[in-house]
Structure formats: structure tokens, C-alpha cells
Amino acid sequence: MINKKSIYVYIAATLAMLIPAPGRFACGVILVLELNVLMLAGTLLKDLIKKLELHQVGTVMLLSMLIAVTMLIRQIVAFSIPEMAIQLGFIMYLPTVSSFFIGYMFGDPYSSLRNSLAKNMKHSLLYSIFALVFFLLRDIAGFGTITLLTNHGVQEIVLFNSGKIDALVFFATIPGALVCTAGILILYVYVINKLEIVKNAELIND
């Protein structure tokens, strides 16, 4: 079952990355991709630091590398989708905090590179699902749209006029994002725990 540590990590990572971000699905896709690239690069660098026994400067090296990778990703986004880079702004640096936090909380200094990659990327991908659902629901509820990344930039699919429904406009705000986070997290924990129960029952029957 999902434990309290995982819940605390999701809450902290959400507050760091999702709440300040625009409630657009396209923004979420970019931030989630960035998060997973940072998690992969960070895991590889941590293993290199461990092998070279650079423990005293390991944290500084890791943070410096994560920031450098973030800057590179931001330049790629600015070149390929300029309007998205402008809309996200400094928010593109927030996945750096989330990836460092997730890697720190779930990292095992005695684990092999293979196990570390499997564990860190698993938690990163699970959090990515949570984040994408969060952005999708905010996009639909708060703006009445679904924004997608295409070859021609950002495409907005209008579902309904959210401005005519005052209660839904609330989800486009920061307080609305907090309420949305709480609801999704409760549902997420419930589904994960149910899947774990089914999985354990199948193992017992086998």
C-alpha cells in the first residue's frame, strides 16, 4: 500500500511544482517531461558521485547539474514553443526542486544503479500521472478547455464557456488548485491501495 512517506512527498512536490504553475494541460506535459529528465540525470549523477566518493561536494554538484539541465530544457522549449516558455517563465525551475526532493526521499545510497533507476523513475512516473490528471482537471474545470502541444505550437480545444459557471472559475485560481490537489490525492491514494490489495490477493491465491 502507499505509505505516509509517499503522501508527504507528493504533497511537498505538488506545492513546489504544480500549485504555482498555470492550470493548462500543455504546461503540465512540459513540466512532467522536464521532471522525468531531471530525475534520470540526477540518479545517474548520484551514482557517479558515489563511485568517485565525492560525498562532501555531492549535493552541490547534484543541484548545479539539475539547474544546468533545467536551463538547457528551457532553451529548447523557448526555441521550439516560444509562447510556452514565456507563459511558464521561472516555473520551469520548480521541477528542479521536486525532482531533488523525490530523489532525496526515496533514494538509497547503498543501492545499485539499476535498482536506483528503477525505484526513482517508478516514483517519478507515478507522480507524473498524478500531475497530468491535476493539470487536465484544472484545464477543463477552470478554463473549459484542453490545451495540447502540436507541431504548430499550443492548440486549445474549447469544451464549454467556463466564464458562465462561477463555481468552475474557482479551479483556475490558487485556492482552487489546492482543493483540486486534495481531491485528486485522496482519489489517487484510494485507487493505488485498492490495486495493491488486488495484487496481494492474487499472489496469495497463486
N, C-alpha and C. Protein backbone atom coordinates (compact mmCIF):
# COMPACT_ATOMS: atom_id res chain seq x y z
N MET A 1 0.83 -1.20 0.00
CA MET A 1 0.00 0.00 0.00
C MET A 1 0.87 1.25 0.00
N ILE A 2 0.31 2.33 -0.49
CA ILE A 2 1.04 3.58 -0.50
C ILE A 2 1.19 4.06 0.95
N ASN A 3 2.40 4.47 1.33
CA ASN A 3 2.65 4.83 2.72
C ASN A 3 2.61 6.33 2.94
N LYS A 4 2.73 6.71 4.22
CA LYS A 4 2.65 8.13 4.56
C LYS A 4 3.80 8.91 3.94
N LYS A 5 4.96 8.27 3.82
CA LYS A 5 6.11 8.95 3.23
C LYS A 5 5.81 9.37 1.80
N SER A 6 5.19 8.47 1.04
CA SER A 6 4.85 8.79 -0.35
C SER A 6 3.86 9.95 -0.41
N ILE A 7 2.87 9.94 0.49
CA ILE A 7 1.88 11.01 0.51
C ILE A 7 2.53 12.34 0.81
N TYR A 8 3.43 12.36 1.80
CA TYR A 8 4.11 13.60 2.15
C TYR A 8 4.97 14.12 1.00
N VAL A 9 5.62 13.20 0.30
CA VAL A 9 6.45 13.59 -0.84
C VAL A 9 5.58 14.20 -1.94
N TYR A 10 4.44 13.57 -2.23
CA TYR A 10 3.55 14.08 -3.26
C TYR A 10 3.02 15.46 -2.90
N ILE A 11 2.68 15.65 -1.62
CA ILE A 11 2.18 16.96 -1.18
C ILE A 11 3.26 18.02 -1.33
N ALA A 12 4.48 17.70 -0.87
CA ALA A 12 5.57 18.67 -0.96
C ALA A 12 5.94 18.98 -2.41
N ALA A 13 6.01 17.93 -3.23
CA ALA A 13 6.35 18.13 -4.64
C ALA A 13 5.25 18.92 -5.37
N THR A 14 4.00 18.68 -4.97
CA THR A 14 2.88 19.40 -5.57
C THR A 14 2.94 20.88 -5.22
N LEU A 15 3.18 21.18 -3.95
CA LEU A 15 3.26 22.57 -3.53
C LEU A 15 4.42 23.28 -4.21
N ALA A 16 5.49 22.53 -4.48
CA ALA A 16 6.68 23.13 -5.09
C ALA A 16 6.50 23.35 -6.59
N MET A 17 5.82 22.44 -7.28
CA MET A 17 5.80 22.49 -8.74
C MET A 17 4.43 22.79 -9.34
N LEU A 18 3.36 22.20 -8.83
CA LEU A 18 2.07 22.27 -9.51
C LEU A 18 1.24 23.49 -9.16
N ILE A 19 1.19 23.85 -7.90
CA ILE A 19 0.31 24.93 -7.47
C ILE A 19 0.64 26.25 -8.16
N PRO A 20 1.92 26.66 -8.25
CA PRO A 20 2.21 27.95 -8.89
C PRO A 20 2.07 27.95 -10.41
N ALA A 21 2.03 26.76 -11.02
CA ALA A 21 2.02 26.66 -12.48
C ALA A 21 0.65 27.01 -13.06
N PRO A 22 0.62 27.51 -14.30
CA PRO A 22 -0.67 27.76 -14.97
C PRO A 22 -1.45 26.45 -15.09
N GLY A 23 -2.76 26.53 -14.89
CA GLY A 23 -3.59 25.32 -14.91
C GLY A 23 -3.92 24.88 -16.31
N ARG A 24 -2.92 24.66 -17.11
CA ARG A 24 -3.08 24.23 -18.50
C ARG A 24 -2.42 22.88 -18.71
N PHE A 25 -3.11 21.98 -19.41
CA PHE A 25 -2.58 20.63 -19.61
C PHE A 25 -1.27 20.66 -20.39
N ALA A 26 -1.16 21.55 -21.37
CA ALA A 26 0.08 21.65 -22.16
C ALA A 26 1.26 22.03 -21.27
N CYS A 27 1.02 22.93 -20.32
CA CYS A 27 2.08 23.30 -19.38
C CYS A 27 2.47 22.10 -18.54
N GLY A 28 1.48 21.32 -18.13
CA GLY A 28 1.74 20.13 -17.33
C GLY A 28 2.58 19.11 -18.06
N VAL A 29 2.33 18.93 -19.35
CA VAL A 29 3.10 17.96 -20.14
C VAL A 29 4.58 18.35 -20.16
N ILE A 30 4.85 19.63 -20.38
CA ILE A 30 6.24 20.10 -20.41
C ILE A 30 6.91 19.93 -19.06
N LEU A 31 6.23 20.31 -17.99
CA LEU A 31 6.80 20.22 -16.65
C LEU A 31 7.04 18.77 -16.24
N VAL A 32 6.12 17.89 -16.62
CA VAL A 32 6.28 16.47 -16.27
C VAL A 32 7.44 15.85 -17.05
N LEU A 33 7.56 16.17 -18.33
CA LEU A 33 8.70 15.67 -19.11
C LEU A 33 10.02 16.18 -18.52
N GLU A 34 10.02 17.45 -18.15
CA GLU A 34 11.23 18.03 -17.54
C GLU A 34 11.56 17.31 -16.23
N LEU A 35 10.55 17.05 -15.41
CA LEU A 35 10.76 16.37 -14.14
C LEU A 35 11.41 15.00 -14.33
N ASN A 36 10.94 14.24 -15.31
CA ASN A 36 11.48 12.89 -15.53
C ASN A 36 12.89 12.93 -16.09
N VAL A 37 13.19 13.91 -16.95
CA VAL A 37 14.56 14.07 -17.45
C VAL A 37 15.50 14.42 -16.29
N LEU A 38 15.06 15.31 -15.42
CA LEU A 38 15.87 15.69 -14.26
C LEU A 38 16.07 14.52 -13.31
N MET A 39 15.04 13.72 -13.12
CA MET A 39 15.15 12.57 -12.24
C MET A 39 16.14 11.55 -12.79
N LEU A 40 16.09 11.32 -14.10
CA LEU A 40 17.01 10.39 -14.74
C LEU A 40 18.45 10.90 -14.63
N ALA A 41 18.67 12.17 -14.98
CA ALA A 41 20.01 12.75 -14.92
C ALA A 41 20.53 12.79 -13.49
N GLY A 42 19.65 13.14 -12.55
CA GLY A 42 20.06 13.20 -11.15
C GLY A 42 20.46 11.85 -10.59
N THR A 43 19.73 10.81 -10.95
CA THR A 43 20.04 9.46 -10.49
C THR A 43 21.38 8.99 -11.04
N LEU A 44 21.63 9.27 -12.30
CA LEU A 44 22.91 8.89 -12.92
C LEU A 44 24.08 9.63 -12.26
N LEU A 45 23.89 10.93 -12.00
CA LEU A 45 24.96 11.70 -11.39
C LEU A 45 25.21 11.26 -9.95
N LYS A 46 24.17 10.94 -9.21
CA LYS A 46 24.33 10.47 -7.83
C LYS A 46 25.14 9.19 -7.79
N ASP A 47 24.91 8.31 -8.75
CA ASP A 47 25.68 7.07 -8.80
C ASP A 47 27.15 7.36 -9.12
N LEU A 48 27.40 8.32 -10.02
CA LEU A 48 28.77 8.71 -10.35
C LEU A 48 29.46 9.32 -9.14
N ILE A 49 28.76 10.16 -8.41
CA ILE A 49 29.32 10.78 -7.19
C ILE A 49 29.68 9.71 -6.17
N LYS A 50 28.82 8.70 -6.05
CA LYS A 50 29.08 7.61 -5.11
C LYS A 50 30.31 6.82 -5.51
N LYS A 51 30.48 6.54 -6.82
CA LYS A 51 31.63 5.77 -7.28
C LYS A 51 32.93 6.54 -7.14
N LEU A 52 32.87 7.86 -7.35
CA LEU A 52 34.07 8.70 -7.23
C LEU A 52 34.31 9.16 -5.79
N GLU A 53 33.39 8.80 -4.89
CA GLU A 53 33.49 9.15 -3.46
C GLU A 53 33.62 10.66 -3.26
N LEU A 54 32.78 11.41 -3.97
CA LEU A 54 32.77 12.87 -3.83
C LEU A 54 31.60 13.31 -2.94
N HIS A 55 31.51 12.69 -1.78
CA HIS A 55 30.36 12.89 -0.92
C HIS A 55 30.28 14.31 -0.36
N GLN A 56 31.41 14.93 -0.08
CA GLN A 56 31.41 16.25 0.53
C GLN A 56 30.85 17.33 -0.40
N VAL A 57 31.06 17.15 -1.68
CA VAL A 57 30.56 18.15 -2.65
C VAL A 57 29.43 17.57 -3.51
N GLY A 58 28.95 16.41 -3.11
CA GLY A 58 27.93 15.71 -3.90
C GLY A 58 26.64 16.50 -4.07
N THR A 59 26.14 17.08 -2.98
CA THR A 59 24.88 17.82 -3.04
C THR A 59 25.01 19.05 -3.93
N VAL A 60 26.13 19.77 -3.80
CA VAL A 60 26.37 20.96 -4.61
C VAL A 60 26.46 20.59 -6.09
N MET A 61 27.18 19.50 -6.39
CA MET A 61 27.31 19.04 -7.76
C MET A 61 25.94 18.65 -8.34
N LEU A 62 25.15 17.96 -7.52
CA LEU A 62 23.85 17.49 -7.99
C LEU A 62 22.92 18.67 -8.30
N LEU A 63 22.84 19.63 -7.38
CA LEU A 63 21.98 20.79 -7.60
C LEU A 63 22.45 21.63 -8.79
N SER A 64 23.77 21.76 -8.93
CA SER A 64 24.32 22.53 -10.05
C SER A 64 23.98 21.88 -11.38
N MET A 65 24.08 20.54 -11.41
CA MET A 65 23.76 19.82 -12.63
C MET A 65 22.28 19.91 -12.97
N LEU A 66 21.42 19.81 -11.96
CA LEU A 66 19.98 19.89 -12.18
C LEU A 66 19.59 21.26 -12.72
N ILE A 67 20.21 22.31 -12.19
CA ILE A 67 19.93 23.66 -12.67
C ILE A 67 20.41 23.83 -14.10
N ALA A 68 21.60 23.27 -14.40
CA ALA A 68 22.14 23.36 -15.76
C ALA A 68 21.24 22.64 -16.77
N VAL A 69 20.75 21.46 -16.40
CA VAL A 69 19.85 20.71 -17.28
C VAL A 69 18.54 21.47 -17.46
N THR A 70 18.05 22.08 -16.38
CA THR A 70 16.83 22.88 -16.46
C THR A 70 16.99 24.04 -17.43
N MET A 71 18.12 24.72 -17.36
CA MET A 71 18.40 25.83 -18.27
C MET A 71 18.43 25.36 -19.72
N LEU A 72 19.02 24.17 -19.94
CA LEU A 72 19.07 23.61 -21.29
C LEU A 72 17.66 23.30 -21.80
N ILE A 73 16.84 22.68 -20.95
CA ILE A 73 15.46 22.35 -21.34
C ILE A 73 14.68 23.62 -21.64
N ARG A 74 14.89 24.64 -20.81
CA ARG A 74 14.18 25.91 -21.01
C ARG A 74 14.54 26.54 -22.36
N GLN A 75 15.82 26.44 -22.74
CA GLN A 75 16.23 26.98 -24.04
C GLN A 75 15.62 26.19 -25.19
N ILE A 76 15.50 24.88 -25.02
CA ILE A 76 14.88 24.05 -26.05
C ILE A 76 13.41 24.42 -26.21
N VAL A 77 12.71 24.60 -25.08
CA VAL A 77 11.30 24.99 -25.13
C VAL A 77 11.16 26.38 -25.74
N ALA A 78 12.05 27.32 -25.36
CA ALA A 78 11.99 28.68 -25.90
C ALA A 78 12.20 28.69 -27.41
N PHE A 79 13.03 27.78 -27.90
CA PHE A 79 13.31 27.72 -29.34
C PHE A 79 12.15 27.07 -30.10
N SER A 80 11.57 26.01 -29.51
CA SER A 80 10.54 25.24 -30.22
C SER A 80 9.12 25.78 -29.98
N ILE A 81 8.83 26.21 -28.74
CA ILE A 81 7.49 26.73 -28.40
C ILE A 81 7.67 28.01 -27.60
N PRO A 82 7.99 29.13 -28.24
CA PRO A 82 8.29 30.37 -27.53
C PRO A 82 7.19 30.84 -26.58
N GLU A 83 5.91 30.73 -27.03
CA GLU A 83 4.82 31.21 -26.17
C GLU A 83 4.71 30.43 -24.88
N MET A 84 5.07 29.13 -24.93
CA MET A 84 5.01 28.31 -23.73
C MET A 84 6.13 28.68 -22.76
N ALA A 85 7.30 28.98 -23.31
CA ALA A 85 8.43 29.38 -22.47
C ALA A 85 8.11 30.70 -21.76
N ILE A 86 7.44 31.61 -22.46
CA ILE A 86 7.06 32.89 -21.86
C ILE A 86 6.00 32.67 -20.77
N GLN A 87 5.05 31.80 -21.03
CA GLN A 87 3.97 31.56 -20.08
C GLN A 87 4.48 30.88 -18.81
N LEU A 88 5.40 29.95 -18.97
CA LEU A 88 5.93 29.24 -17.80
C LEU A 88 6.93 30.08 -17.02
N GLY A 89 7.83 30.77 -17.72
CA GLY A 89 8.79 31.64 -17.06
C GLY A 89 9.65 30.90 -16.04
N PHE A 90 9.73 31.47 -14.82
CA PHE A 90 10.56 30.88 -13.77
C PHE A 90 10.02 29.54 -13.28
N ILE A 91 8.75 29.24 -13.59
CA ILE A 91 8.14 28.00 -13.12
C ILE A 91 8.88 26.78 -13.66
N MET A 92 9.59 26.93 -14.77
CA MET A 92 10.35 25.82 -15.32
C MET A 92 11.49 25.39 -14.41
N TYR A 93 11.84 26.23 -13.43
CA TYR A 93 12.88 25.86 -12.48
C TYR A 93 12.32 25.10 -11.29
N LEU A 94 11.00 25.07 -11.13
CA LEU A 94 10.39 24.41 -9.99
C LEU A 94 10.51 22.88 -10.03
N PRO A 95 10.44 22.21 -11.21
CA PRO A 95 10.67 20.76 -11.22
C PRO A 95 12.04 20.36 -10.67
N THR A 96 12.99 21.29 -10.70
CA THR A 96 14.31 21.01 -10.11
C THR A 96 14.16 20.70 -8.63
N VAL A 97 13.34 21.49 -7.96
CA VAL A 97 13.10 21.28 -6.53
C VAL A 97 12.36 19.96 -6.30
N SER A 98 11.33 19.71 -7.10
CA SER A 98 10.54 18.49 -6.94
C SER A 98 11.36 17.23 -7.21
N SER A 99 12.17 17.25 -8.27
CA SER A 99 12.98 16.07 -8.61
C SER A 99 14.02 15.81 -7.52
N PHE A 100 14.62 16.88 -7.00
CA PHE A 100 15.61 16.72 -5.92
C PHE A 100 14.95 16.14 -4.68
N PHE A 101 13.74 16.63 -4.38
CA PHE A 101 13.04 16.18 -3.18
C PHE A 101 12.62 14.73 -3.30
N ILE A 102 12.05 14.35 -4.45
CA ILE A 102 11.63 12.96 -4.66
C ILE A 102 12.83 12.03 -4.61
N GLY A 103 13.92 12.41 -5.29
CA GLY A 103 15.13 11.59 -5.30
C GLY A 103 15.75 11.47 -3.92
N TYR A 104 15.70 12.55 -3.14
CA TYR A 104 16.28 12.55 -1.79
C TYR A 104 15.47 11.65 -0.85
N MET A 105 14.14 11.74 -0.93
CA MET A 105 13.29 10.98 -0.02
C MET A 105 13.29 9.49 -0.32
N PHE A 106 13.35 9.12 -1.60
CA PHE A 106 13.27 7.72 -1.97
C PHE A 106 14.64 7.11 -2.31
N GLY A 107 15.67 7.94 -2.34
CA GLY A 107 17.00 7.45 -2.72
C GLY A 107 17.62 6.54 -1.67
N ASP A 108 18.38 5.58 -2.13
CA ASP A 108 19.10 4.65 -1.24
C ASP A 108 20.59 4.70 -1.61
N PRO A 109 21.45 5.23 -0.72
CA PRO A 109 22.87 5.37 -1.05
C PRO A 109 23.59 4.04 -1.26
N TYR A 110 23.01 2.94 -0.80
CA TYR A 110 23.65 1.64 -0.91
C TYR A 110 23.07 0.79 -2.06
N SER A 111 22.15 1.37 -2.79
CA SER A 111 21.50 0.63 -3.88
C SER A 111 22.35 0.71 -5.15
N SER A 112 22.22 -0.30 -6.00
CA SER A 112 22.92 -0.30 -7.28
C SER A 112 22.27 0.71 -8.22
N LEU A 113 22.98 1.04 -9.30
CA LEU A 113 22.45 2.00 -10.27
C LEU A 113 21.15 1.49 -10.87
N ARG A 114 21.11 0.21 -11.19
CA ARG A 114 19.91 -0.36 -11.79
C ARG A 114 18.70 -0.24 -10.85
N ASN A 115 18.90 -0.58 -9.58
CA ASN A 115 17.82 -0.51 -8.61
C ASN A 115 17.40 0.94 -8.34
N SER A 116 18.39 1.83 -8.30
CA SER A 116 18.11 3.25 -8.06
C SER A 116 17.30 3.84 -9.21
N LEU A 117 17.68 3.49 -10.43
CA LEU A 117 16.94 3.98 -11.60
C LEU A 117 15.50 3.46 -11.58
N ALA A 118 15.36 2.17 -11.30
CA ALA A 118 14.03 1.57 -11.28
C ALA A 118 13.15 2.21 -10.21
N LYS A 119 13.71 2.41 -9.02
CA LYS A 119 12.93 2.96 -7.90
C LYS A 119 12.60 4.43 -8.12
N ASN A 120 13.60 5.23 -8.48
CA ASN A 120 13.38 6.67 -8.66
C ASN A 120 12.44 6.97 -9.83
N MET A 121 12.64 6.26 -10.95
CA MET A 121 11.80 6.51 -12.11
C MET A 121 10.37 6.03 -11.87
N LYS A 122 10.23 4.97 -11.07
CA LYS A 122 8.89 4.49 -10.72
C LYS A 122 8.12 5.58 -9.97
N HIS A 123 8.77 6.16 -8.95
CA HIS A 123 8.11 7.21 -8.17
C HIS A 123 7.89 8.46 -9.02
N SER A 124 8.83 8.75 -9.90
CA SER A 124 8.70 9.91 -10.77
C SER A 124 7.54 9.74 -11.74
N LEU A 125 7.40 8.54 -12.30
CA LEU A 125 6.32 8.28 -13.25
C LEU A 125 4.96 8.27 -12.56
N LEU A 126 4.90 7.71 -11.33
CA LEU A 126 3.65 7.72 -10.58
C LEU A 126 3.23 9.15 -10.26
N TYR A 127 4.21 9.96 -9.88
CA TYR A 127 3.91 11.36 -9.61
C TYR A 127 3.50 12.09 -10.89
N SER A 128 4.08 11.69 -12.02
CA SER A 128 3.74 12.30 -13.30
C SER A 128 2.27 12.06 -13.66
N ILE A 129 1.79 10.85 -13.39
CA ILE A 129 0.37 10.54 -13.64
C ILE A 129 -0.51 11.45 -12.79
N PHE A 130 -0.14 11.55 -11.51
CA PHE A 130 -0.88 12.43 -10.60
C PHE A 130 -0.89 13.87 -11.11
N ALA A 131 0.28 14.34 -11.56
CA ALA A 131 0.41 15.73 -12.03
C ALA A 131 -0.41 15.97 -13.30
N LEU A 132 -0.37 15.02 -14.25
CA LEU A 132 -1.10 15.20 -15.51
C LEU A 132 -2.61 15.23 -15.28
N VAL A 133 -3.09 14.38 -14.37
CA VAL A 133 -4.53 14.41 -14.03
C VAL A 133 -4.88 15.77 -13.41
N PHE A 134 -3.99 16.27 -12.56
CA PHE A 134 -4.19 17.57 -11.92
C PHE A 134 -4.32 18.68 -12.96
N PHE A 135 -3.38 18.72 -13.91
CA PHE A 135 -3.41 19.76 -14.94
C PHE A 135 -4.62 19.61 -15.86
N LEU A 136 -4.97 18.37 -16.20
CA LEU A 136 -6.11 18.14 -17.09
C LEU A 136 -7.41 18.62 -16.45
N LEU A 137 -7.61 18.28 -15.17
CA LEU A 137 -8.83 18.68 -14.48
C LEU A 137 -8.90 20.19 -14.31
N ARG A 138 -7.78 20.83 -14.02
CA ARG A 138 -7.78 22.29 -13.88
C ARG A 138 -8.05 22.98 -15.21
N ASP A 139 -7.50 22.41 -16.27
CA ASP A 139 -7.71 22.98 -17.60
C ASP A 139 -9.19 22.91 -17.98
N ILE A 140 -9.79 21.74 -17.75
CA ILE A 140 -11.19 21.55 -18.12
C ILE A 140 -12.11 22.36 -17.20
N ALA A 141 -11.93 22.21 -15.89
CA ALA A 141 -12.84 22.85 -14.94
C ALA A 141 -12.65 24.37 -14.88
N GLY A 142 -11.39 24.81 -14.87
CA GLY A 142 -11.12 26.22 -14.70
C GLY A 142 -11.28 27.06 -15.95
N PHE A 143 -10.97 26.46 -17.11
CA PHE A 143 -10.98 27.23 -18.36
C PHE A 143 -11.95 26.68 -19.41
N GLY A 144 -12.47 25.48 -19.18
CA GLY A 144 -13.37 24.87 -20.16
C GLY A 144 -12.65 24.45 -21.42
N THR A 145 -11.36 24.15 -21.31
CA THR A 145 -10.57 23.80 -22.49
C THR A 145 -9.64 22.61 -22.19
N ILE A 146 -9.05 22.09 -23.25
CA ILE A 146 -7.93 21.15 -23.15
C ILE A 146 -6.85 21.69 -24.07
N THR A 147 -5.70 22.03 -23.52
CA THR A 147 -4.60 22.56 -24.33
C THR A 147 -3.61 21.45 -24.63
N LEU A 148 -3.23 21.32 -25.90
CA LEU A 148 -2.35 20.26 -26.35
C LEU A 148 -1.14 20.85 -27.07
N LEU A 149 -0.03 20.13 -27.02
CA LEU A 149 1.16 20.53 -27.76
C LEU A 149 1.12 19.90 -29.14
N THR A 150 1.30 20.71 -30.18
CA THR A 150 1.29 20.21 -31.55
C THR A 150 2.54 20.71 -32.27
N ASN A 151 2.68 20.30 -33.52
CA ASN A 151 3.82 20.75 -34.32
C ASN A 151 3.77 22.26 -34.59
N HIS A 152 2.61 22.83 -34.44
CA HIS A 152 2.44 24.26 -34.71
C HIS A 152 2.34 25.08 -33.42
N GLY A 153 2.71 24.46 -32.31
CA GLY A 153 2.66 25.16 -31.03
C GLY A 153 1.59 24.59 -30.13
N VAL A 154 0.89 25.46 -29.42
CA VAL A 154 -0.15 25.05 -28.48
C VAL A 154 -1.52 25.17 -29.13
N GLN A 155 -2.28 24.09 -29.09
CA GLN A 155 -3.64 24.09 -29.63
C GLN A 155 -4.63 24.02 -28.48
N GLU A 156 -5.64 24.87 -28.50
CA GLU A 156 -6.65 24.93 -27.45
C GLU A 156 -7.97 24.39 -27.98
N ILE A 157 -8.45 23.33 -27.34
CA ILE A 157 -9.74 22.75 -27.69
C ILE A 157 -10.77 23.25 -26.68
N VAL A 158 -11.71 24.05 -27.14
CA VAL A 158 -12.73 24.62 -26.26
C VAL A 158 -13.87 23.63 -26.07
N LEU A 159 -14.14 23.30 -24.81
CA LEU A 159 -15.22 22.38 -24.48
C LEU A 159 -16.50 23.11 -24.10
N PHE A 160 -16.35 24.17 -23.31
CA PHE A 160 -17.51 24.99 -22.91
C PHE A 160 -17.00 26.32 -22.38
N ASN A 161 -17.89 27.25 -22.19
CA ASN A 161 -17.53 28.57 -21.67
C ASN A 161 -17.56 28.55 -20.15
N SER A 162 -16.38 28.39 -19.54
CA SER A 162 -16.31 28.28 -18.08
C SER A 162 -16.66 29.59 -17.39
N GLY A 163 -16.57 30.73 -18.13
CA GLY A 163 -16.87 32.03 -17.54
C GLY A 163 -18.32 32.17 -17.12
N LYS A 164 -19.18 31.34 -17.70
CA LYS A 164 -20.60 31.39 -17.36
C LYS A 164 -20.93 30.57 -16.12
N ILE A 165 -19.95 29.80 -15.64
CA ILE A 165 -20.17 28.96 -14.46
C ILE A 165 -19.19 29.42 -13.38
N ASP A 166 -19.63 30.26 -12.48
CA ASP A 166 -18.75 30.87 -11.48
C ASP A 166 -18.03 29.84 -10.62
N ALA A 167 -18.71 28.77 -10.28
CA ALA A 167 -18.10 27.76 -9.41
C ALA A 167 -16.89 27.10 -10.06
N LEU A 168 -16.90 26.97 -11.39
CA LEU A 168 -15.79 26.32 -12.08
C LEU A 168 -14.59 27.25 -12.23
N VAL A 169 -14.85 28.55 -12.35
CA VAL A 169 -13.76 29.51 -12.47
C VAL A 169 -12.84 29.45 -11.25
N PHE A 170 -13.40 29.04 -10.13
CA PHE A 170 -12.64 28.92 -8.88
C PHE A 170 -11.43 28.00 -9.05
N PHE A 171 -11.55 26.96 -9.90
CA PHE A 171 -10.46 25.99 -10.06
C PHE A 171 -9.29 26.55 -10.86
N ALA A 172 -9.47 27.70 -11.47
CA ALA A 172 -8.37 28.34 -12.18
C ALA A 172 -7.50 29.17 -11.24
N THR A 173 -7.95 29.33 -9.98
CA THR A 173 -7.22 30.12 -9.00
C THR A 173 -6.30 29.24 -8.15
N ILE A 174 -5.42 29.88 -7.37
CA ILE A 174 -4.52 29.13 -6.48
C ILE A 174 -5.31 28.34 -5.42
N PRO A 175 -6.28 28.95 -4.73
CA PRO A 175 -7.09 28.16 -3.79
C PRO A 175 -7.79 26.98 -4.47
N GLY A 176 -8.27 27.21 -5.69
CA GLY A 176 -8.90 26.13 -6.43
C GLY A 176 -7.92 25.01 -6.74
N ALA A 177 -6.67 25.37 -7.01
CA ALA A 177 -5.64 24.37 -7.27
C ALA A 177 -5.38 23.53 -6.02
N LEU A 178 -5.43 24.16 -4.85
CA LEU A 178 -5.22 23.43 -3.60
C LEU A 178 -6.36 22.44 -3.35
N VAL A 179 -7.59 22.88 -3.61
CA VAL A 179 -8.74 21.99 -3.45
C VAL A 179 -8.66 20.84 -4.44
N CYS A 180 -8.28 21.14 -5.67
CA CYS A 180 -8.13 20.11 -6.70
C CYS A 180 -7.05 19.10 -6.31
N THR A 181 -5.96 19.60 -5.75
CA THR A 181 -4.87 18.73 -5.30
C THR A 181 -5.35 17.75 -4.24
N ALA A 182 -6.08 18.26 -3.26
CA ALA A 182 -6.58 17.42 -2.17
C ALA A 182 -7.50 16.32 -2.70
N GLY A 183 -8.40 16.70 -3.60
CA GLY A 183 -9.34 15.73 -4.16
C GLY A 183 -8.65 14.64 -4.97
N ILE A 184 -7.72 15.06 -5.82
CA ILE A 184 -7.00 14.08 -6.66
C ILE A 184 -6.14 13.17 -5.79
N LEU A 185 -5.50 13.73 -4.77
CA LEU A 185 -4.62 12.93 -3.91
C LEU A 185 -5.42 11.87 -3.16
N ILE A 186 -6.60 12.25 -2.67
CA ILE A 186 -7.45 11.28 -1.97
C ILE A 186 -7.86 10.15 -2.92
N LEU A 187 -8.28 10.51 -4.12
CA LEU A 187 -8.68 9.51 -5.11
C LEU A 187 -7.49 8.65 -5.53
N TYR A 188 -6.34 9.29 -5.70
CA TYR A 188 -5.12 8.59 -6.12
C TYR A 188 -4.72 7.54 -5.08
N VAL A 189 -4.69 7.94 -3.82
CA VAL A 189 -4.32 7.01 -2.74
C VAL A 189 -5.31 5.86 -2.67
N TYR A 190 -6.60 6.16 -2.83
CA TYR A 190 -7.63 5.12 -2.78
C TYR A 190 -7.43 4.08 -3.89
N VAL A 191 -7.19 4.56 -5.12
CA VAL A 191 -7.02 3.65 -6.25
C VAL A 191 -5.75 2.82 -6.09
N ILE A 192 -4.64 3.45 -5.70
CA ILE A 192 -3.38 2.72 -5.53
C ILE A 192 -3.52 1.64 -4.47
N ASN A 193 -4.16 1.96 -3.35
CA ASN A 193 -4.33 0.97 -2.28
C ASN A 193 -5.21 -0.19 -2.72
N LYS A 194 -6.27 0.11 -3.49
CA LYS A 194 -7.14 -0.96 -4.00
C LYS A 194 -6.38 -1.88 -4.95
N LEU A 195 -5.55 -1.29 -5.81
CA LEU A 195 -4.75 -2.09 -6.73
C LEU A 195 -3.76 -2.97 -5.98
N GLU A 196 -3.19 -2.44 -4.91
CA GLU A 196 -2.25 -3.22 -4.10
C GLU A 196 -2.97 -4.38 -3.42
N ILE A 197 -4.20 -4.15 -2.95
CA ILE A 197 -4.97 -5.21 -2.31
C ILE A 197 -5.27 -6.33 -3.30
N VAL A 198 -5.69 -5.96 -4.51
CA VAL A 198 -5.98 -6.95 -5.56
C VAL A 198 -4.72 -7.74 -5.91
N LYS A 199 -3.59 -7.02 -6.03
CA LYS A 199 -2.32 -7.67 -6.37
C LYS A 199 -1.91 -8.66 -5.30
N ASN A 200 -2.03 -8.26 -4.03
CA ASN A 200 -1.66 -9.15 -2.92
C ASN A 200 -2.58 -10.36 -2.84
N ALA A 201 -3.87 -10.15 -3.14
CA ALA A 201 -4.83 -11.26 -3.13
C ALA A 201 -4.48 -12.28 -4.21
N GLU A 202 -4.09 -11.80 -5.39
CA GLU A 202 -3.71 -12.71 -6.48
C GLU A 202 -2.46 -13.51 -6.13
N LEU A 203 -1.52 -12.85 -5.44
CA LEU A 203 -0.30 -13.56 -5.04
C LEU A 203 -0.60 -14.64 -4.02
N ILE A 204 -1.52 -14.35 -3.10
CA ILE A 204 -1.88 -15.35 -2.10
C ILE A 204 -2.58 -16.54 -2.75
N ASN A 205 -3.47 -16.26 -3.72
CA ASN A 205 -4.19 -17.34 -4.40
C ASN A 205 -3.27 -18.21 -5.23
N ASP A 206 -2.21 -17.59 -5.79
CA ASP A 206 -1.24 -18.37 -6.58
C ASP A 206 -0.39 -19.26 -5.67
